[in-house]
Amino acid sequence: MWLFAIMLGFYVASELGVGNWAVTFLREWYKMDNTISSLYLSIFFATFTLGRLFGGFIVEKVGYLRSLSVSSLCAAVFIAIGMLSKSLAFSISISGFFIQ
């Protein structure tokens, strides 16, 4: 029960954190203009919405704790890939699908 509550807390923090951090990171670190970095954030929230829509079905099949663990790991990997390479910065947007 405590593990589930802690993971849920990190989930909410990561959702809000990416929303506040991504545009600034892309603009300052990769020198993207505001239009492109805002587009990436918009795609993040679009994939986030799709992840929430389809994620419910996946969670019911796989189980809550296992699904939360796997999707958190996938989201962290995609964000790390986006942070390490400018050419793969789009993967930050894809990570929204796994933050369900």
N, C-alpha and C. Protein backbone atom coordinates (compact mmCIF):
# COMPACT_ATOMS: atom_id res chain seq x y z
N MET A 1 0.82 -1.19 0.00
CA MET A 1 0.00 0.00 0.00
C MET A 1 0.87 1.26 0.00
N TRP A 2 1.91 1.27 0.84
CA TRP A 2 2.77 2.44 0.91
C TRP A 2 3.56 2.63 -0.38
N LEU A 3 4.01 1.54 -0.97
CA LEU A 3 4.75 1.61 -2.23
C LEU A 3 3.87 2.20 -3.33
N PHE A 4 2.62 1.77 -3.38
CA PHE A 4 1.69 2.28 -4.38
C PHE A 4 1.46 3.78 -4.17
N ALA A 5 1.30 4.21 -2.93
CA ALA A 5 1.08 5.63 -2.63
C ALA A 5 2.31 6.46 -3.00
N ILE A 6 3.49 5.94 -2.73
CA ILE A 6 4.72 6.67 -3.07
C ILE A 6 4.87 6.78 -4.58
N MET A 7 4.62 5.69 -5.29
CA MET A 7 4.74 5.71 -6.75
C MET A 7 3.72 6.65 -7.37
N LEU A 8 2.52 6.70 -6.81
CA LEU A 8 1.50 7.63 -7.31
C LEU A 8 1.91 9.07 -7.07
N GLY A 9 2.53 9.34 -5.93
CA GLY A 9 3.03 10.69 -5.65
C GLY A 9 4.10 11.12 -6.64
N PHE A 10 5.03 10.22 -6.94
CA PHE A 10 6.05 10.53 -7.94
C PHE A 10 5.45 10.71 -9.32
N TYR A 11 4.39 9.98 -9.61
CA TYR A 11 3.71 10.12 -10.90
C TYR A 11 3.15 11.53 -11.07
N VAL A 12 2.44 12.02 -10.07
CA VAL A 12 1.86 13.36 -10.15
C VAL A 12 2.96 14.40 -10.23
N ALA A 13 4.01 14.22 -9.45
CA ALA A 13 5.13 15.16 -9.48
C ALA A 13 5.81 15.17 -10.84
N SER A 14 5.95 14.00 -11.45
CA SER A 14 6.61 13.95 -12.76
C SER A 14 5.75 14.58 -13.84
N GLU A 15 4.46 14.36 -13.77
CA GLU A 15 3.56 14.98 -14.76
C GLU A 15 3.66 16.50 -14.70
N LEU A 16 3.55 17.04 -13.51
CA LEU A 16 3.62 18.49 -13.36
C LEU A 16 5.03 19.02 -13.63
N GLY A 17 6.03 18.23 -13.23
CA GLY A 17 7.41 18.65 -13.44
C GLY A 17 7.77 18.76 -14.91
N VAL A 18 7.36 17.78 -15.70
CA VAL A 18 7.65 17.84 -17.14
C VAL A 18 6.92 19.02 -17.77
N GLY A 19 5.70 19.27 -17.35
CA GLY A 19 4.96 20.41 -17.88
C GLY A 19 5.63 21.74 -17.59
N ASN A 20 6.27 21.86 -16.44
CA ASN A 20 6.95 23.10 -16.08
C ASN A 20 8.37 23.19 -16.61
N TRP A 21 9.00 22.06 -16.83
CA TRP A 21 10.42 22.01 -17.12
C TRP A 21 10.77 21.89 -18.59
N ALA A 22 9.97 21.20 -19.38
CA ALA A 22 10.36 20.80 -20.73
C ALA A 22 10.67 21.98 -21.65
N VAL A 23 9.81 22.97 -21.69
CA VAL A 23 10.03 24.09 -22.61
C VAL A 23 11.30 24.84 -22.24
N THR A 24 11.50 25.07 -20.97
CA THR A 24 12.71 25.77 -20.54
C THR A 24 13.96 24.96 -20.85
N PHE A 25 13.90 23.66 -20.60
CA PHE A 25 15.05 22.80 -20.90
C PHE A 25 15.37 22.82 -22.38
N LEU A 26 14.39 22.63 -23.23
CA LEU A 26 14.63 22.59 -24.67
C LEU A 26 15.12 23.93 -25.19
N ARG A 27 14.60 25.00 -24.63
CA ARG A 27 15.00 26.34 -25.09
C ARG A 27 16.42 26.68 -24.63
N GLU A 28 16.74 26.38 -23.39
CA GLU A 28 18.05 26.76 -22.85
C GLU A 28 19.16 25.78 -23.24
N TRP A 29 18.89 24.50 -23.16
CA TRP A 29 19.94 23.50 -23.37
C TRP A 29 20.18 23.23 -24.86
N TYR A 30 19.09 23.10 -25.62
CA TYR A 30 19.22 22.77 -27.03
C TYR A 30 19.03 23.97 -27.95
N LYS A 31 18.83 25.14 -27.38
CA LYS A 31 18.69 26.40 -28.14
C LYS A 31 17.57 26.34 -29.17
N MET A 32 16.47 25.67 -28.81
CA MET A 32 15.30 25.65 -29.70
C MET A 32 14.49 26.92 -29.47
N ASP A 33 13.77 27.35 -30.49
CA ASP A 33 12.93 28.52 -30.29
C ASP A 33 11.66 28.11 -29.53
N ASN A 34 10.92 29.10 -29.09
CA ASN A 34 9.73 28.84 -28.27
C ASN A 34 8.67 28.04 -29.01
N THR A 35 8.56 28.25 -30.31
CA THR A 35 7.54 27.55 -31.09
C THR A 35 7.78 26.04 -31.10
N ILE A 36 9.00 25.64 -31.37
CA ILE A 36 9.31 24.21 -31.44
C ILE A 36 9.22 23.56 -30.06
N SER A 37 9.77 24.22 -29.05
CA SER A 37 9.72 23.64 -27.71
C SER A 37 8.29 23.57 -27.18
N SER A 38 7.46 24.54 -27.51
CA SER A 38 6.05 24.48 -27.12
C SER A 38 5.32 23.39 -27.89
N LEU A 39 5.71 23.17 -29.14
CA LEU A 39 5.13 22.07 -29.92
C LEU A 39 5.45 20.73 -29.27
N TYR A 40 6.68 20.56 -28.83
CA TYR A 40 7.07 19.32 -28.15
C TYR A 40 6.25 19.11 -26.88
N LEU A 41 6.02 20.19 -26.14
CA LEU A 41 5.21 20.07 -24.92
C LEU A 41 3.75 19.76 -25.26
N SER A 42 3.24 20.33 -26.32
CA SER A 42 1.87 20.02 -26.75
C SER A 42 1.75 18.55 -27.15
N ILE A 43 2.75 18.05 -27.85
CA ILE A 43 2.74 16.63 -28.22
C ILE A 43 2.84 15.76 -26.98
N PHE A 44 3.62 16.21 -25.99
CA PHE A 44 3.71 15.48 -24.73
C PHE A 44 2.33 15.33 -24.10
N PHE A 45 1.57 16.43 -24.01
CA PHE A 45 0.26 16.35 -23.39
C PHE A 45 -0.75 15.59 -24.25
N ALA A 46 -0.58 15.60 -25.56
CA ALA A 46 -1.45 14.79 -26.43
C ALA A 46 -1.18 13.31 -26.21
N THR A 47 0.11 12.92 -26.17
CA THR A 47 0.41 11.52 -25.90
C THR A 47 0.06 11.14 -24.47
N PHE A 48 0.15 12.09 -23.56
CA PHE A 48 -0.27 11.86 -22.18
C PHE A 48 -1.77 11.53 -22.12
N THR A 49 -2.55 12.27 -22.89
CA THR A 49 -3.98 12.03 -22.95
C THR A 49 -4.28 10.66 -23.55
N LEU A 50 -3.58 10.30 -24.63
CA LEU A 50 -3.77 8.98 -25.22
C LEU A 50 -3.34 7.87 -24.26
N GLY A 51 -2.27 8.11 -23.52
CA GLY A 51 -1.83 7.14 -22.53
C GLY A 51 -2.86 6.92 -21.44
N ARG A 52 -3.49 7.99 -21.02
CA ARG A 52 -4.56 7.86 -20.03
C ARG A 52 -5.77 7.13 -20.60
N LEU A 53 -6.08 7.41 -21.86
CA LEU A 53 -7.23 6.79 -22.50
C LEU A 53 -7.03 5.28 -22.65
N PHE A 54 -5.90 4.89 -23.20
CA PHE A 54 -5.65 3.47 -23.44
C PHE A 54 -5.00 2.77 -22.25
N GLY A 55 -4.39 3.54 -21.39
CA GLY A 55 -3.70 2.95 -20.25
C GLY A 55 -4.61 2.25 -19.28
N GLY A 56 -5.84 2.71 -19.17
CA GLY A 56 -6.79 2.07 -18.26
C GLY A 56 -7.05 0.61 -18.63
N PHE A 57 -7.14 0.36 -19.91
CA PHE A 57 -7.35 -1.02 -20.36
C PHE A 57 -6.12 -1.89 -20.06
N ILE A 58 -4.95 -1.30 -20.26
CA ILE A 58 -3.71 -2.04 -20.00
C ILE A 58 -3.56 -2.32 -18.51
N VAL A 59 -3.88 -1.35 -17.69
CA VAL A 59 -3.76 -1.51 -16.24
C VAL A 59 -4.69 -2.60 -15.74
N GLU A 60 -5.88 -2.66 -16.27
CA GLU A 60 -6.83 -3.70 -15.85
C GLU A 60 -6.33 -5.10 -16.20
N LYS A 61 -5.66 -5.23 -17.33
CA LYS A 61 -5.15 -6.54 -17.77
C LYS A 61 -3.88 -6.95 -17.02
N VAL A 62 -2.95 -6.00 -16.86
CA VAL A 62 -1.63 -6.32 -16.31
C VAL A 62 -1.60 -6.27 -14.79
N GLY A 63 -2.35 -5.36 -14.20
CA GLY A 63 -2.32 -5.16 -12.76
C GLY A 63 -1.78 -3.78 -12.43
N TYR A 64 -2.21 -3.25 -11.31
CA TYR A 64 -1.88 -1.87 -10.97
C TYR A 64 -0.40 -1.67 -10.66
N LEU A 65 0.14 -2.45 -9.78
CA LEU A 65 1.52 -2.24 -9.36
C LEU A 65 2.51 -2.55 -10.48
N ARG A 66 2.30 -3.63 -11.19
CA ARG A 66 3.21 -3.99 -12.29
C ARG A 66 3.12 -2.95 -13.41
N SER A 67 1.92 -2.52 -13.74
CA SER A 67 1.74 -1.52 -14.79
C SER A 67 2.40 -0.19 -14.40
N LEU A 68 2.23 0.20 -13.16
CA LEU A 68 2.83 1.45 -12.69
C LEU A 68 4.35 1.38 -12.73
N SER A 69 4.90 0.24 -12.36
CA SER A 69 6.36 0.06 -12.38
C SER A 69 6.91 0.10 -13.80
N VAL A 70 6.30 -0.64 -14.70
CA VAL A 70 6.79 -0.71 -16.07
C VAL A 70 6.62 0.63 -16.79
N SER A 71 5.48 1.26 -16.63
CA SER A 71 5.26 2.53 -17.33
C SER A 71 6.16 3.63 -16.77
N SER A 72 6.43 3.62 -15.47
CA SER A 72 7.35 4.60 -14.90
C SER A 72 8.75 4.42 -15.44
N LEU A 73 9.18 3.18 -15.56
CA LEU A 73 10.51 2.90 -16.11
C LEU A 73 10.59 3.34 -17.57
N CYS A 74 9.57 3.05 -18.36
CA CYS A 74 9.56 3.46 -19.77
C CYS A 74 9.59 4.98 -19.90
N ALA A 75 8.81 5.67 -19.09
CA ALA A 75 8.79 7.13 -19.14
C ALA A 75 10.15 7.70 -18.77
N ALA A 76 10.78 7.14 -17.76
CA ALA A 76 12.10 7.63 -17.35
C ALA A 76 13.14 7.40 -18.44
N VAL A 77 13.06 6.26 -19.12
CA VAL A 77 14.01 5.97 -20.20
C VAL A 77 13.82 6.96 -21.35
N PHE A 78 12.58 7.22 -21.75
CA PHE A 78 12.33 8.16 -22.85
C PHE A 78 12.76 9.58 -22.50
N ILE A 79 12.54 9.99 -21.26
CA ILE A 79 12.98 11.33 -20.86
C ILE A 79 14.50 11.40 -20.84
N ALA A 80 15.15 10.36 -20.35
CA ALA A 80 16.62 10.35 -20.33
C ALA A 80 17.18 10.39 -21.74
N ILE A 81 16.59 9.65 -22.66
CA ILE A 81 17.05 9.68 -24.05
C ILE A 81 16.89 11.08 -24.63
N GLY A 82 15.77 11.72 -24.35
CA GLY A 82 15.54 13.07 -24.84
C GLY A 82 16.49 14.09 -24.25
N MET A 83 16.93 13.85 -23.02
CA MET A 83 17.86 14.77 -22.38
C MET A 83 19.29 14.60 -22.91
N LEU A 84 19.61 13.42 -23.38
CA LEU A 84 20.98 13.13 -23.79
C LEU A 84 21.29 13.49 -25.25
N SER A 85 20.28 13.62 -26.08
CA SER A 85 20.53 13.86 -27.50
C SER A 85 19.53 14.86 -28.06
N LYS A 86 20.05 15.88 -28.72
CA LYS A 86 19.17 16.88 -29.33
C LYS A 86 18.35 16.27 -30.45
N SER A 87 18.94 15.35 -31.21
CA SER A 87 18.21 14.74 -32.31
C SER A 87 17.10 13.82 -31.82
N LEU A 88 17.19 13.36 -30.57
CA LEU A 88 16.15 12.51 -29.99
C LEU A 88 15.32 13.23 -28.93
N ALA A 89 15.36 14.55 -28.93
CA ALA A 89 14.61 15.33 -27.94
C ALA A 89 13.10 15.08 -28.05
N PHE A 90 12.66 14.63 -29.20
CA PHE A 90 11.25 14.33 -29.41
C PHE A 90 10.77 13.21 -28.48
N SER A 91 11.71 12.39 -28.00
CA SER A 91 11.30 11.29 -27.12
C SER A 91 10.75 11.80 -25.79
N ILE A 92 11.07 13.03 -25.41
CA ILE A 92 10.44 13.61 -24.22
C ILE A 92 8.94 13.70 -24.44
N SER A 93 8.54 14.03 -25.65
CA SER A 93 7.11 14.08 -25.97
C SER A 93 6.47 12.70 -25.94
N ILE A 94 7.20 11.70 -26.39
CA ILE A 94 6.67 10.34 -26.41
C ILE A 94 6.50 9.79 -25.00
N SER A 95 7.31 10.26 -24.07
CA SER A 95 7.22 9.76 -22.69
C SER A 95 5.86 10.04 -22.07
N GLY A 96 5.14 11.01 -22.60
CA GLY A 96 3.82 11.31 -22.07
C GLY A 96 2.87 10.12 -22.16
N PHE A 97 3.06 9.24 -23.13
CA PHE A 97 2.21 8.08 -23.25
C PHE A 97 2.35 7.15 -22.06
N PHE A 98 3.54 7.11 -21.48
CA PHE A 98 3.80 6.19 -20.39
C PHE A 98 3.53 6.78 -19.03
N ILE A 99 3.31 8.08 -18.96
CA ILE A 99 2.94 8.70 -17.69
C ILE A 99 1.43 8.69 -17.62
N GLN A 100 0.89 7.56 -17.17
CA GLN A 100 -0.55 7.39 -17.17
C GLN A 100 -1.07 7.59 -15.80
